[in-house]
């Protein structure tokens, strides 16, 4: 299996109205991206409540699911934020 060095971030919620949104990040840079967007969150398998940093001293609660490689669906480092 060839794993790309690219990290992708995408909305995982279908188009239309929804009271929640899911954002998924996958790739080698996902752990660093998580550290930048949810400071203090640990990179270990599981689901926890985290704070998504919006900048300017603002943040919102989010459900964080971490799926370390190779145990994710893609085999890459992956995390999902449900907000």
Protein backbone atom coordinates (compact mmCIF):
# COMPACT_ATOMS: atom_id res chain seq x y z
CA UNK A 1 0.00 0.00 0.00
CA UNK A 2 1.32 3.44 -0.94
CA UNK A 3 0.53 6.17 1.58
CA UNK A 4 0.68 9.75 0.37
CA UNK A 5 2.52 12.48 2.27
CA UNK A 6 -0.45 14.74 1.55
CA UNK A 7 -2.86 15.64 4.34
CA UNK A 8 -6.43 16.30 3.29
CA UNK A 9 -9.15 18.08 5.25
CA UNK A 10 -12.75 17.87 4.10
CA UNK A 11 -16.31 18.30 5.26
CA UNK A 12 -17.72 14.81 5.83
CA UNK A 13 -21.31 16.00 6.25
CA UNK A 14 -23.63 15.68 3.23
CA UNK A 15 -25.07 18.82 1.62
CA UNK A 16 -28.23 20.27 3.15
CA UNK A 17 -29.37 21.26 6.62
CA UNK A 18 -27.85 19.52 9.61
CA UNK A 19 -27.60 20.46 13.27
CA UNK A 20 -24.08 19.00 13.29
CA UNK A 21 -21.12 19.05 10.93
CA UNK A 22 -18.24 16.60 10.66
CA UNK A 23 -14.77 17.61 9.52
CA UNK A 24 -12.27 14.86 8.70
CA UNK A 25 -8.49 15.15 8.34
CA UNK A 26 -6.38 12.30 7.01
CA UNK A 27 -2.70 11.96 6.19
CA UNK A 28 0.76 12.24 7.67
CA UNK A 29 0.22 15.80 8.91
CA UNK A 30 -3.04 15.07 10.76
CA UNK A 31 -1.44 14.87 14.24
CA UNK A 32 0.23 18.28 13.78
CA UNK A 33 -3.00 19.75 12.41
CA UNK A 34 -4.90 18.45 15.44
CA UNK A 35 -2.37 20.09 17.76
CA UNK A 36 -2.86 23.41 15.97
CA UNK A 37 -6.67 23.32 15.91
CA UNK A 38 -7.42 21.63 19.25
CA UNK A 39 -4.55 22.58 21.59
CA UNK A 40 -3.98 20.12 24.40
CA UNK A 41 -5.64 17.18 22.62
CA UNK A 42 -3.69 13.93 22.77
CA UNK A 43 -3.02 11.78 19.69
CA UNK A 44 -4.38 8.46 20.93
CA UNK A 45 -7.21 6.26 19.72
CA UNK A 46 -10.61 7.13 21.08
CA UNK A 47 -13.30 9.79 21.27
CA UNK A 48 -13.25 12.73 23.68
CA UNK A 49 -14.76 16.18 24.04
CA UNK A 50 -12.25 18.78 22.81
CA UNK A 51 -12.18 22.53 22.15
CA UNK A 52 -11.86 23.68 18.52
CA UNK A 53 -9.78 26.88 18.51
CA UNK A 54 -11.42 29.54 16.31
CA UNK A 55 -8.69 32.12 16.93
CA UNK A 56 -8.97 35.43 18.71
CA UNK A 57 -9.43 33.68 22.05
CA UNK A 58 -12.62 31.96 20.87
CA UNK A 59 -13.30 28.21 20.85
CA UNK A 60 -16.24 25.83 20.60
CA UNK A 61 -16.80 22.31 21.96
CA UNK A 62 -16.39 19.42 19.55
CA UNK A 63 -16.44 15.64 19.67
CA UNK A 64 -12.96 14.50 18.65
CA UNK A 65 -12.37 10.98 17.28
CA UNK A 66 -8.74 9.98 16.73
CA UNK A 67 -7.89 7.02 14.49
CA UNK A 68 -4.11 6.45 14.40
CA UNK A 69 -2.50 4.63 11.46
CA UNK A 70 -2.71 1.85 10.45
CA UNK A 71 -6.02 1.31 12.27
CA UNK A 72 -8.07 3.84 10.30
CA UNK A 73 -10.18 3.05 7.23
CA UNK A 74 -7.55 4.61 4.93
CA UNK A 75 -4.59 3.25 6.88
CA UNK A 76 -3.41 6.82 7.48
CA UNK A 77 -3.40 9.08 10.52
CA UNK A 78 -6.99 10.36 10.76
CA UNK A 79 -9.14 12.47 13.05
CA UNK A 80 -12.74 13.64 12.90
CA UNK A 81 -14.33 16.63 14.59
CA UNK A 82 -18.09 16.73 15.06
CA UNK A 83 -19.29 20.24 15.82
